[in-house]
Amino acid sequence: MSETVSLRALKALVEKKMKKKILVKVIWNEQEKLTLFITPNRKIQSFIYDEKEGYIFYDQEGKLVTHDIPLIVPENNLADGKVLLNETGNRGLLLNQQPLSHEDRLFLQEYSL
């Protein structure tokens, strides 16, 4: 059984780590759907997945988005409205380009209570 958390708890964790307000945005293309945790001033219109580079994002004008996105949740990490934390065989959750730490997981457990 995989460990799951709500999007709300994950948003609270990202806001705590970033010390900024965060928006949750769902974006999709022909291949997959992503849930992005971004700051309100970020404009992201589309994306592609490159095997070497990972996710590459573009703004409304088709320009490459060069800033990092705090958290990207691929659709294979979602089940029944919850985020799967222990899912194997996927691209994994990275918060600020790092895997979730033990402290992050404790925060999520406490927040979910």
PDB file of N, CA and C in Angstrom:
ATOM      1  N   MET A   1       0.840  -1.183   0.000  1.00  0.00           N
ATOM      2  CA  MET A   1       0.000   0.000   0.000  1.00  0.00           C
ATOM      3  C   MET A   1       0.881   1.240   0.000  1.00  0.00           C
ATOM      4  N   SER A   2       0.608   2.157  -0.891  1.00  0.00           N
ATOM      5  CA  SER A   2       1.398   3.374  -1.022  1.00  0.00           C
ATOM      6  C   SER A   2       0.930   4.434  -0.042  1.00  0.00           C
ATOM      7  N   GLU A   3       1.887   5.220   0.418  1.00  0.00           N
ATOM      8  CA  GLU A   3       1.581   6.350   1.291  1.00  0.00           C
ATOM      9  C   GLU A   3       1.016   7.475   0.431  1.00  0.00           C
ATOM     10  N   THR A   4      -0.091   8.090   0.862  1.00  0.00           N
ATOM     11  CA  THR A   4      -0.713   9.171   0.109  1.00  0.00           C
ATOM     12  C   THR A   4      -0.889  10.398   0.984  1.00  0.00           C
ATOM     13  N   VAL A   5      -0.918  11.563   0.332  1.00  0.00           N
ATOM     14  CA  VAL A   5      -1.216  12.821   1.020  1.00  0.00           C
ATOM     15  C   VAL A   5      -2.131  13.632   0.116  1.00  0.00           C
ATOM     16  N   SER A   6      -2.813  14.570   0.697  1.00  0.00           N
ATOM     17  CA  SER A   6      -3.701  15.432  -0.079  1.00  0.00           C
ATOM     18  C   SER A   6      -2.891  16.511  -0.799  1.00  0.00           C
ATOM     19  N   LEU A   7      -3.476  17.053  -1.850  1.00  0.00           N
ATOM     20  CA  LEU A   7      -2.848  18.176  -2.548  1.00  0.00           C
ATOM     21  C   LEU A   7      -2.711  19.374  -1.610  1.00  0.00           C
ATOM     22  N   ARG A   8      -3.679  19.530  -0.731  1.00  0.00           N
ATOM     23  CA  ARG A   8      -3.664  20.641   0.231  1.00  0.00           C
ATOM     24  C   ARG A   8      -2.451  20.547   1.162  1.00  0.00           C
ATOM     25  N   ALA A   9      -2.161  19.347   1.661  1.00  0.00           N
ATOM     26  CA  ALA A   9      -1.009  19.160   2.540  1.00  0.00           C
ATOM     27  C   ALA A   9       0.284  19.406   1.782  1.00  0.00           C
ATOM     28  N   LEU A  10       0.355  18.931   0.549  1.00  0.00           N
ATOM     29  CA  LEU A  10       1.551  19.133  -0.268  1.00  0.00           C
ATOM     30  C   LEU A  10       1.751  20.613  -0.576  1.00  0.00           C
ATOM     31  N   LYS A  11       0.653  21.332  -0.826  1.00  0.00           N
ATOM     32  CA  LYS A  11       0.730  22.775  -1.073  1.00  0.00           C
ATOM     33  C   LYS A  11       1.262  23.489   0.163  1.00  0.00           C
ATOM     34  N   ALA A  12       0.802  23.087   1.340  1.00  0.00           N
ATOM     35  CA  ALA A  12       1.285  23.693   2.587  1.00  0.00           C
ATOM     36  C   ALA A  12       2.785  23.456   2.762  1.00  0.00           C
ATOM     37  N   LEU A  13       3.252  22.274   2.427  1.00  0.00           N
ATOM     38  CA  LEU A  13       4.679  21.973   2.524  1.00  0.00           C
ATOM     39  C   LEU A  13       5.490  22.845   1.567  1.00  0.00           C
ATOM     40  N   VAL A  14       5.038  22.977   0.329  1.00  0.00           N
ATOM     41  CA  VAL A  14       5.759  23.789  -0.654  1.00  0.00           C
ATOM     42  C   VAL A  14       5.782  25.251  -0.211  1.00  0.00           C
ATOM     43  N   GLU A  15       4.660  25.771   0.298  1.00  0.00           N
ATOM     44  CA  GLU A  15       4.620  27.151   0.775  1.00  0.00           C
ATOM     45  C   GLU A  15       5.576  27.353   1.949  1.00  0.00           C
ATOM     46  N   LYS A  16       5.656  26.367   2.831  1.00  0.00           N
ATOM     47  CA  LYS A  16       6.570  26.454   3.972  1.00  0.00           C
ATOM     48  C   LYS A  16       8.020  26.495   3.490  1.00  0.00           C
ATOM     49  N   LYS A  17       8.369  25.625   2.545  1.00  0.00           N
ATOM     50  CA  LYS A  17       9.745  25.554   2.047  1.00  0.00           C
ATOM     51  C   LYS A  17      10.119  26.785   1.218  1.00  0.00           C
ATOM     52  N   MET A  18       9.182  27.286   0.414  1.00  0.00           N
ATOM     53  CA  MET A  18       9.456  28.411  -0.479  1.00  0.00           C
ATOM     54  C   MET A  18       9.291  29.760   0.219  1.00  0.00           C
ATOM     55  N   LYS A  19       8.546  29.755   1.321  1.00  0.00           N
ATOM     56  CA  LYS A  19       8.210  30.996   2.033  1.00  0.00           C
ATOM     57  C   LYS A  19       7.477  31.980   1.112  1.00  0.00           C
ATOM     58  N   LYS A  20       6.619  31.420   0.238  1.00  0.00           N
ATOM     59  CA  LYS A  20       5.807  32.189  -0.706  1.00  0.00           C
ATOM     60  C   LYS A  20       4.468  31.496  -0.880  1.00  0.00           C
ATOM     61  N   LYS A  21       3.478  32.261  -1.348  1.00  0.00           N
ATOM     62  CA  LYS A  21       2.202  31.661  -1.719  1.00  0.00           C
ATOM     63  C   LYS A  21       2.407  30.825  -2.972  1.00  0.00           C
ATOM     64  N   ILE A  22       1.671  29.740  -3.069  1.00  0.00           N
ATOM     65  CA  ILE A  22       1.809  28.804  -4.181  1.00  0.00           C
ATOM     66  C   ILE A  22       0.436  28.544  -4.794  1.00  0.00           C
ATOM     67  N   LEU A  23       0.397  28.477  -6.118  1.00  0.00           N
ATOM     68  CA  LEU A  23      -0.802  28.079  -6.850  1.00  0.00           C
ATOM     69  C   LEU A  23      -0.642  26.642  -7.329  1.00  0.00           C
ATOM     70  N   VAL A  24      -1.750  25.936  -7.394  1.00  0.00           N
ATOM     71  CA  VAL A  24      -1.755  24.588  -7.952  1.00  0.00           C
ATOM     72  C   VAL A  24      -2.389  24.702  -9.330  1.00  0.00           C
ATOM     73  N   LYS A  25      -1.636  24.317 -10.363  1.00  0.00           N
ATOM     74  CA  LYS A  25      -2.101  24.433 -11.744  1.00  0.00           C
ATOM     75  C   LYS A  25      -2.007  23.067 -12.416  1.00  0.00           C
ATOM     76  N   VAL A  26      -3.082  22.686 -13.090  1.00  0.00           N
ATOM     77  CA  VAL A  26      -3.082  21.438 -13.851  1.00  0.00           C
ATOM     78  C   VAL A  26      -2.880  21.806 -15.321  1.00  0.00           C
ATOM     79  N   ILE A  27      -1.931  21.138 -15.956  1.00  0.00           N
ATOM     80  CA  ILE A  27      -1.603  21.388 -17.355  1.00  0.00           C
ATOM     81  C   ILE A  27      -1.432  20.030 -18.036  1.00  0.00           C
ATOM     82  N   TRP A  28      -1.820  19.937 -19.306  1.00  0.00           N
ATOM     83  CA  TRP A  28      -1.706  18.653 -19.992  1.00  0.00           C
ATOM     84  C   TRP A  28      -1.365  18.855 -21.465  1.00  0.00           C
ATOM     85  N   ASN A  29      -0.854  17.793 -22.053  1.00  0.00           N
ATOM     86  CA  ASN A  29      -0.632  17.731 -23.490  1.00  0.00           C
ATOM     87  C   ASN A  29      -1.160  16.391 -23.981  1.00  0.00           C
ATOM     88  N   GLU A  30      -0.790  15.984 -25.181  1.00  0.00           N
ATOM     89  CA  GLU A  30      -1.323  14.739 -25.747  1.00  0.00           C
ATOM     90  C   GLU A  30      -0.848  13.499 -24.989  1.00  0.00           C
ATOM     91  N   GLN A  31       0.308  13.577 -24.334  1.00  0.00           N
ATOM     92  CA  GLN A  31       0.874  12.406 -23.679  1.00  0.00           C
ATOM     93  C   GLN A  31       0.501  12.270 -22.202  1.00  0.00           C
ATOM     94  N   GLU A  32       0.469  13.376 -21.475  1.00  0.00           N
ATOM     95  CA  GLU A  32       0.219  13.256 -20.034  1.00  0.00           C
ATOM     96  C   GLU A  32      -0.312  14.540 -19.427  1.00  0.00           C
ATOM     97  N   LYS A  33      -0.675  14.424 -18.156  1.00  0.00           N
ATOM     98  CA  LYS A  33      -1.193  15.544 -17.384  1.00  0.00           C
ATOM     99  C   LYS A  33      -0.276  15.762 -16.185  1.00  0.00           C
ATOM    100  N   LEU A  34       0.008  17.046 -15.880  1.00  0.00           N
ATOM    101  CA  LEU A  34       0.849  17.390 -14.737  1.00  0.00           C
ATOM    102  C   LEU A  34       0.101  18.321 -13.806  1.00  0.00           C
ATOM    103  N   THR A  35       0.405  18.204 -12.525  1.00  0.00           N
ATOM    104  CA  THR A  35      -0.051  19.166 -11.538  1.00  0.00           C
ATOM    105  C   THR A  35       1.184  19.925 -11.088  1.00  0.00           C
ATOM    106  N   LEU A  36       1.160  21.246 -11.297  1.00  0.00           N
ATOM    107  CA  LEU A  36       2.307  22.091 -10.973  1.00  0.00           C
ATOM    108  C   LEU A  36       2.017  22.920  -9.735  1.00  0.00           C
ATOM    109  N   PHE A  37       3.004  23.071  -8.895  1.00  0.00           N
ATOM    110  CA  PHE A  37       2.943  23.962  -7.750  1.00  0.00           C
ATOM    111  C   PHE A  37       3.864  25.129  -8.101  1.00  0.00           C
ATOM    112  N   ILE A  38       3.275  26.285  -8.427  1.00  0.00           N
ATOM    113  CA  ILE A  38       4.043  27.417  -8.920  1.00  0.00           C
ATOM    114  C   ILE A  38       3.690  28.689  -8.160  1.00  0.00           C
ATOM    115  N   THR A  39       4.564  29.683  -8.246  1.00  0.00           N
ATOM    116  CA  THR A  39       4.257  30.991  -7.655  1.00  0.00           C
ATOM    117  C   THR A  39       3.256  31.694  -8.575  1.00  0.00           C
ATOM    118  N   PRO A  40       2.437  32.607  -8.024  1.00  0.00           N
ATOM    119  CA  PRO A  40       1.354  33.225  -8.807  1.00  0.00           C
ATOM    120  C   PRO A  40       1.807  33.999 -10.045  1.00  0.00           C
ATOM    121  N   ASN A  41       3.004  34.533 -10.063  1.00  0.00           N
ATOM    122  CA  ASN A  41       3.427  35.335 -11.198  1.00  0.00           C
ATOM    123  C   ASN A  41       4.010  34.513 -12.344  1.00  0.00           C
ATOM    124  N   ARG A  42       4.074  33.206 -12.234  1.00  0.00           N
ATOM    125  CA  ARG A  42       4.635  32.348 -13.283  1.00  0.00           C
ATOM    126  C   ARG A  42       3.568  32.029 -14.319  1.00  0.00           C
ATOM    127  N   LYS A  43       3.916  32.218 -15.565  1.00  0.00           N
ATOM    128  CA  LYS A  43       2.998  31.932 -16.664  1.00  0.00           C
ATOM    129  C   LYS A  43       3.534  30.745 -17.450  1.00  0.00           C
ATOM    130  N   ILE A  44       2.844  29.625 -17.361  1.00  0.00           N
ATOM    131  CA  ILE A  44       3.250  28.413 -18.062  1.00  0.00           C
ATOM    132  C   ILE A  44       2.083  27.972 -18.935  1.00  0.00           C
ATOM    133  N   GLN A  45       2.354  27.770 -20.211  1.00  0.00           N
ATOM    134  CA  GLN A  45       1.303  27.422 -21.158  1.00  0.00           C
ATOM    135  C   GLN A  45       1.384  25.977 -21.630  1.00  0.00           C
ATOM    136  N   SER A  46       2.599  25.449 -21.831  1.00  0.00           N
ATOM    137  CA  SER A  46       2.727  24.100 -22.370  1.00  0.00           C
ATOM    138  C   SER A  46       4.021  23.463 -21.879  1.00  0.00           C
ATOM    139  N   PHE A  47       4.176  22.175 -22.176  1.00  0.00           N
ATOM    140  CA  PHE A  47       5.370  21.448 -21.760  1.00  0.00           C
ATOM    141  C   PHE A  47       5.604  20.257 -22.676  1.00  0.00           C
ATOM    142  N   ILE A  48       6.838  19.768 -22.642  1.00  0.00           N
ATOM    143  CA  ILE A  48       7.192  18.502 -23.271  1.00  0.00           C
ATOM    144  C   ILE A  48       8.079  17.757 -22.277  1.00  0.00           C
ATOM    145  N   TYR A  49       8.209  16.453 -22.473  1.00  0.00           N
ATOM    146  CA  TYR A  49       9.117  15.675 -21.635  1.00  0.00           C
ATOM    147  C   TYR A  49      10.245  15.165 -22.511  1.00  0.00           C
ATOM    148  N   ASP A  50      11.463  15.500 -22.128  1.00  0.00           N
ATOM    149  CA  ASP A  50      12.656  15.058 -22.831  1.00  0.00           C
ATOM    150  C   ASP A  50      13.373  14.052 -21.948  1.00  0.00           C
ATOM    151  N   GLU A  51      13.794  12.929 -22.521  1.00  0.00           N
ATOM    152  CA  GLU A  51      14.449  11.883 -21.732  1.00  0.00           C
ATOM    153  C   GLU A  51      15.708  12.376 -21.029  1.00  0.00           C
ATOM    154  N   LYS A  52      16.476  13.260 -21.663  1.00  0.00           N
ATOM    155  CA  LYS A  52      17.714  13.763 -21.050  1.00  0.00           C
ATOM    156  C   LYS A  52      17.465  14.943 -20.117  1.00  0.00           C
ATOM    157  N   GLU A  53      16.621  15.879 -20.537  1.00  0.00           N
ATOM    158  CA  GLU A  53      16.419  17.127 -19.796  1.00  0.00           C
ATOM    159  C   GLU A  53      15.284  17.064 -18.778  1.00  0.00           C
ATOM    160  N   GLY A  54      14.369  16.136 -18.928  1.00  0.00           N
ATOM    161  CA  GLY A  54      13.188  16.092 -18.067  1.00  0.00           C
ATOM    162  C   GLY A  54      12.094  16.971 -18.662  1.00  0.00           C
ATOM    163  N   TYR A  55      11.269  17.572 -17.804  1.00  0.00           N
ATOM    164  CA  TYR A  55      10.188  18.423 -18.279  1.00  0.00           C
ATOM    165  C   TYR A  55      10.747  19.768 -18.732  1.00  0.00           C
ATOM    166  N   ILE A  56      10.271  20.221 -19.889  1.00  0.00           N
ATOM    167  CA  ILE A  56      10.641  21.517 -20.432  1.00  0.00           C
ATOM    168  C   ILE A  56       9.346  22.300 -20.604  1.00  0.00           C
ATOM    169  N   PHE A  57       9.279  23.506 -20.017  1.00  0.00           N
ATOM    170  CA  PHE A  57       8.060  24.301 -20.008  1.00  0.00           C
ATOM    171  C   PHE A  57       8.208  25.545 -20.878  1.00  0.00           C
ATOM    172  N   TYR A  58       7.056  25.981 -21.426  1.00  0.00           N
ATOM    173  CA  TYR A  58       7.014  27.169 -22.292  1.00  0.00           C
ATOM    174  C   TYR A  58       5.913  28.105 -21.816  1.00  0.00           C
ATOM    175  N   ASP A  59       6.132  29.425 -22.018  1.00  0.00           N
ATOM    176  CA  ASP A  59       5.119  30.413 -21.635  1.00  0.00           C
ATOM    177  C   ASP A  59       4.135  30.633 -22.789  1.00  0.00           C
ATOM    178  N   GLN A  60       3.234  31.644 -22.657  1.00  0.00           N
ATOM    179  CA  GLN A  60       2.206  31.897 -23.658  1.00  0.00           C
ATOM    180  C   GLN A  60       2.781  32.298 -25.007  1.00  0.00           C
ATOM    181  N   GLU A  61       3.959  32.885 -25.008  1.00  0.00           N
ATOM    182  CA  GLU A  61       4.590  33.332 -26.245  1.00  0.00           C
ATOM    183  C   GLU A  61       5.457  32.239 -26.877  1.00  0.00           C
ATOM    184  N   GLY A  62       5.521  31.077 -26.273  1.00  0.00           N
ATOM    185  CA  GLY A  62       6.325  29.977 -26.787  1.00  0.00           C
ATOM    186  C   GLY A  62       7.781  30.040 -26.375  1.00  0.00           C
ATOM    187  N   LYS A  63       8.104  30.935 -25.437  1.00  0.00           N
ATOM    188  CA  LYS A  63       9.477  31.051 -24.952  1.00  0.00           C
ATOM    189  C   LYS A  63       9.730  30.032 -23.843  1.00  0.00           C
ATOM    190  N   LEU A  64      10.946  29.547 -23.799  1.00  0.00           N
ATOM    191  CA  LEU A  64      11.350  28.582 -22.786  1.00  0.00           C
ATOM    192  C   LEU A  64      11.275  29.205 -21.391  1.00  0.00           C
ATOM    193  N   VAL A  65      10.673  28.498 -20.449  1.00  0.00           N
ATOM    194  CA  VAL A  65      10.621  28.945 -19.054  1.00  0.00           C
ATOM    195  C   VAL A  65      11.912  28.477 -18.392  1.00  0.00           C
ATOM    196  N   THR A  66      12.721  29.422 -17.938  1.00  0.00           N
ATOM    197  CA  THR A  66      14.045  29.079 -17.420  1.00  0.00           C
ATOM    198  C   THR A  66      14.089  28.912 -15.907  1.00  0.00           C
ATOM    199  N   HIS A  67      13.096  29.421 -15.187  1.00  0.00           N
ATOM    200  CA  HIS A  67      13.094  29.275 -13.730  1.00  0.00           C
ATOM    201  C   HIS A  67      12.624  27.879 -13.327  1.00  0.00           C
ATOM    202  N   ASP A  68      13.050  27.463 -12.160  1.00  0.00           N
ATOM    203  CA  ASP A  68      12.657  26.150 -11.655  1.00  0.00           C
ATOM    204  C   ASP A  68      11.230  26.185 -11.128  1.00  0.00           C
ATOM    205  N   ILE A  69      10.548  25.075 -11.261  1.00  0.00           N
ATOM    206  CA  ILE A  69       9.205  24.918 -10.714  1.00  0.00           C
ATOM    207  C   ILE A  69       9.352  24.133  -9.420  1.00  0.00           C
ATOM    208  N   PRO A  70       8.815  24.657  -8.309  1.00  0.00           N
ATOM    209  CA  PRO A  70       9.037  24.019  -7.011  1.00  0.00           C
ATOM    210  C   PRO A  70       8.639  22.552  -6.939  1.00  0.00           C
ATOM    211  N   LEU A  71       7.484  22.183  -7.510  1.00  0.00           N
ATOM    212  CA  LEU A  71       7.039  20.793  -7.424  1.00  0.00           C
ATOM    213  C   LEU A  71       6.200  20.442  -8.642  1.00  0.00           C
ATOM    214  N   ILE A  72       6.497  19.297  -9.227  1.00  0.00           N
ATOM    215  CA  ILE A  72       5.758  18.774 -10.371  1.00  0.00           C
ATOM    216  C   ILE A  72       5.227  17.400  -9.979  1.00  0.00           C
ATOM    217  N   VAL A  73       3.917  17.212 -10.123  1.00  0.00           N
ATOM    218  CA  VAL A  73       3.300  15.924  -9.806  1.00  0.00           C
ATOM    219  C   VAL A  73       2.760  15.328 -11.101  1.00  0.00           C
ATOM    220  N   PRO A  74       3.414  14.287 -11.627  1.00  0.00           N
ATOM    221  CA  PRO A  74       2.902  13.614 -12.832  1.00  0.00           C
ATOM    222  C   PRO A  74       1.614  12.857 -12.509  1.00  0.00           C
ATOM    223  N   GLU A  75       0.823  12.600 -13.546  1.00  0.00           N
ATOM    224  CA  GLU A  75      -0.472  11.952 -13.317  1.00  0.00           C
ATOM    225  C   GLU A  75      -0.338  10.545 -12.738  1.00  0.00           C
ATOM    226  N   ASN A  76       0.788   9.860 -12.967  1.00  0.00           N
ATOM    227  CA  ASN A  76       0.937   8.522 -12.388  1.00  0.00           C
ATOM    228  C   ASN A  76       1.217   8.577 -10.887  1.00  0.00           C
ATOM    229  N   ASN A  77       1.395   9.780 -10.327  1.00  0.00           N
ATOM    230  CA  ASN A  77       1.541   9.950  -8.885  1.00  0.00           C
ATOM    231  C   ASN A  77       0.219  10.335  -8.218  1.00  0.00           C
ATOM    232  N   LEU A  78      -0.865  10.368  -8.975  1.00  0.00           N
ATOM    233  CA  LEU A  78      -2.172  10.722  -8.428  1.00  0.00           C
ATOM    234  C   LEU A  78      -3.096   9.518  -8.447  1.00  0.00           C
ATOM    235  N   ALA A  79      -3.846   9.358  -7.367  1.00  0.00           N
ATOM    236  CA  ALA A  79      -4.849   8.299  -7.294  1.00  0.00           C
ATOM    237  C   ALA A  79      -5.951   8.738  -6.347  1.00  0.00           C
ATOM    238  N   ASP A  80      -7.170   8.738  -6.827  1.00  0.00           N
ATOM    239  CA  ASP A  80      -8.339   9.095  -6.013  1.00  0.00           C
ATOM    240  C   ASP A  80      -8.188  10.460  -5.356  1.00  0.00           C
ATOM    241  N   GLY A  81      -7.630  11.426  -6.066  1.00  0.00           N
ATOM    242  CA  GLY A  81      -7.484  12.778  -5.536  1.00  0.00           C
ATOM    243  C   GLY A  81      -6.359  12.949  -4.537  1.00  0.00           C
ATOM    244  N   LYS A  82      -5.540  11.938  -4.366  1.00  0.00           N
ATOM    245  CA  LYS A  82      -4.406  11.995  -3.439  1.00  0.00           C
ATOM    246  C   LYS A  82      -3.108  11.828  -4.215  1.00  0.00           C
ATOM    247  N   VAL A  83      -2.017  12.305  -3.616  1.00  0.00           N
ATOM    248  CA  VAL A  83      -0.696  12.176  -4.222  1.00  0.00           C
ATOM    249  C   VAL A  83       0.003  10.972  -3.601  1.00  0.00           C
ATOM    250  N   LEU A  84       0.485  10.082  -4.456  1.00  0.00           N
ATOM    251  CA  LEU A  84       1.217   8.897  -4.004  1.00  0.00           C
ATOM    252  C   LEU A  84       2.674   9.276  -3.771  1.00  0.00           C
ATOM    253  N   LEU A  85       3.170   9.034  -2.579  1.00  0.00           N
ATOM    254  CA  LEU A  85       4.547   9.391  -2.254  1.00  0.00           C
ATOM    255  C   LEU A  85       5.514   8.243  -2.488  1.00  0.00           C
ATOM    256  N   ASN A  86       5.061   7.021  -2.346  1.00  0.00           N
ATOM    257  CA  ASN A  86       5.953   5.855  -2.432  1.00  0.00           C
ATOM    258  C   ASN A  86       5.803   5.096  -3.732  1.00  0.00           C
ATOM    259  N   GLU A  87       5.289   5.732  -4.756  1.00  0.00           N
ATOM    260  CA  GLU A  87       5.071   5.062  -6.034  1.00  0.00           C
ATOM    261  C   GLU A  87       6.410   4.697  -6.659  1.00  0.00           C
ATOM    262  N   THR A  88       6.563   3.447  -7.059  1.00  0.00           N
ATOM    263  CA  THR A  88       7.807   3.013  -7.694  1.00  0.00           C
ATOM    264  C   THR A  88       7.631   3.001  -9.204  1.00  0.00           C
ATOM    265  N   GLY A  89       8.738   3.106  -9.909  1.00  0.00           N
ATOM    266  CA  GLY A  89       8.686   3.058 -11.358  1.00  0.00           C
ATOM    267  C   GLY A  89       8.207   4.343 -12.002  1.00  0.00           C
ATOM    268  N   ASN A  90       8.163   5.437 -11.260  1.00  0.00           N
ATOM    269  CA  ASN A  90       7.764   6.703 -11.865  1.00  0.00           C
ATOM    270  C   ASN A  90       8.928   7.687 -11.801  1.00  0.00           C
ATOM    271  N   ARG A  91       8.687   8.880 -12.237  1.00  0.00           N
ATOM    272  CA  ARG A  91       9.749   9.883 -12.266  1.00  0.00           C
ATOM    273  C   ARG A  91       9.991  10.499 -10.897  1.00  0.00           C
ATOM    274  N   GLY A  92       9.150  10.223  -9.942  1.00  0.00           N
ATOM    275  CA  GLY A  92       9.361  10.667  -8.570  1.00  0.00           C
ATOM    276  C   GLY A  92       9.016  12.121  -8.321  1.00  0.00           C
ATOM    277  N   LEU A  93       8.724  12.434  -7.061  1.00  0.00           N
ATOM    278  CA  LEU A  93       8.437  13.802  -6.663  1.00  0.00           C
ATOM    279  C   LEU A  93       9.722  14.481  -6.222  1.00  0.00           C
ATOM    280  N   LEU A  94       9.959  15.651  -6.775  1.00  0.00           N
ATOM    281  CA  LEU A  94      11.117  16.448  -6.393  1.00  0.00           C
ATOM    282  C   LEU A  94      10.636  17.808  -5.932  1.00  0.00           C
ATOM    283  N   LEU A  95      10.979  18.164  -4.712  1.00  0.00           N
ATOM    284  CA  LEU A  95      10.655  19.474  -4.164  1.00  0.00           C
ATOM    285  C   LEU A  95      11.918  20.314  -4.237  1.00  0.00           C
ATOM    286  N   ASN A  96      11.887  21.376  -5.036  1.00  0.00           N
ATOM    287  CA  ASN A  96      13.074  22.200  -5.291  1.00  0.00           C
ATOM    288  C   ASN A  96      14.238  21.360  -5.785  1.00  0.00           C
ATOM    289  N   GLN A  97      13.945  20.475  -6.717  1.00  0.00           N
ATOM    290  CA  GLN A  97      14.931  19.608  -7.374  1.00  0.00           C
ATOM    291  C   GLN A  97      15.550  18.559  -6.440  1.00  0.00           C
ATOM    292  N   GLN A  98      14.954  18.326  -5.268  1.00  0.00           N
ATOM    293  CA  GLN A  98      15.447  17.351  -4.302  1.00  0.00           C
ATOM    294  C   GLN A  98      14.311  16.399  -3.923  1.00  0.00           C
ATOM    295  N   PRO A  99      14.626  15.118  -3.667  1.00  0.00           N
ATOM    296  CA  PRO A  99      13.590  14.198  -3.176  1.00  0.00           C
ATOM    297  C   PRO A  99      13.057  14.676  -1.816  1.00  0.00           C
ATOM    298  N   LEU A 100      11.842  14.268  -1.490  1.00  0.00           N
ATOM    299  CA  LEU A 100      11.265  14.646  -0.198  1.00  0.00           C
ATOM    300  C   LEU A 100      12.118  14.080   0.928  1.00  0.00           C
ATOM    301  N   SER A 101      12.455  14.933   1.884  1.00  0.00           N
ATOM    302  CA  SER A 101      13.270  14.514   3.019  1.00  0.00           C
ATOM    303  C   SER A 101      12.395  13.857   4.084  1.00  0.00           C
ATOM    304  N   HIS A 102      13.052  13.287   5.069  1.00  0.00           N
ATOM    305  CA  HIS A 102      12.334  12.692   6.200  1.00  0.00           C
ATOM    306  C   HIS A 102      11.512  13.761   6.918  1.00  0.00           C
ATOM    307  N   GLU A 103      12.080  14.956   7.096  1.00  0.00           N
ATOM    308  CA  GLU A 103      11.365  16.063   7.751  1.00  0.00           C
ATOM    309  C   GLU A 103      10.134  16.471   6.944  1.00  0.00           C
ATOM    310  N   ASP A 104      10.265  16.468   5.608  1.00  0.00           N
ATOM    311  CA  ASP A 104       9.126  16.793   4.750  1.00  0.00           C
ATOM    312  C   ASP A 104       8.006  15.782   4.944  1.00  0.00           C
ATOM    313  N   ARG A 105       8.356  14.522   4.995  1.00  0.00           N
ATOM    314  CA  ARG A 105       7.346  13.476   5.183  1.00  0.00           C
ATOM    315  C   ARG A 105       6.681  13.575   6.566  1.00  0.00           C
ATOM    316  N   LEU A 106       7.466  13.915   7.582  1.00  0.00           N
ATOM    317  CA  LEU A 106       6.886  14.120   8.916  1.00  0.00           C
ATOM    318  C   LEU A 106       5.907  15.279   8.908  1.00  0.00           C
ATOM    319  N   PHE A 107       6.271  16.381   8.250  1.00  0.00           N
ATOM    320  CA  PHE A 107       5.375  17.527   8.133  1.00  0.00           C
ATOM    321  C   PHE A 107       4.065  17.121   7.462  1.00  0.00           C
ATOM    322  N   LEU A 108       4.166  16.355   6.393  1.00  0.00           N
ATOM    323  CA  LEU A 108       2.969  15.917   5.676  1.00  0.00           C
ATOM    324  C   LEU A 108       2.089  15.019   6.534  1.00  0.00           C
ATOM    325  N   GLN A 109       2.705  14.137   7.325  1.00  0.00           N
ATOM    326  CA  GLN A 109       1.943  13.270   8.214  1.00  0.00           C
ATOM    327  C   GLN A 109       1.220  14.093   9.274  1.00  0.00           C
ATOM    328  N   GLU A 110       1.928  15.050   9.884  1.00  0.00           N
ATOM    329  CA  GLU A 110       1.328  15.899  10.912  1.00  0.00           C
ATOM    330  C   GLU A 110       0.222  16.778  10.338  1.00  0.00           C
ATOM    331  N   TYR A 111       0.447  17.301   9.134  1.00  0.00           N
ATOM    332  CA  TYR A 111      -0.533  18.184   8.501  1.00  0.00           C
ATOM    333  C   TYR A 111      -1.807  17.419   8.163  1.00  0.00           C
ATOM    334  N   SER A 112      -1.666  16.158   7.814  1.00  0.00           N
ATOM    335  CA  SER A 112      -2.811  15.347   7.407  1.00  0.00           C
ATOM    336  C   SER A 112      -3.671  14.914   8.589  1.00  0.00           C
ATOM    337  N   LEU A 113      -3.169  15.032   9.801  1.00  0.00           N
ATOM    338  CA  LEU A 113      -3.949  14.600  10.968  1.00  0.00           C
ATOM    339  C   LEU A 113      -5.086  15.513  11.275  1.00  0.00           C
TER     340      LEU A 113
END
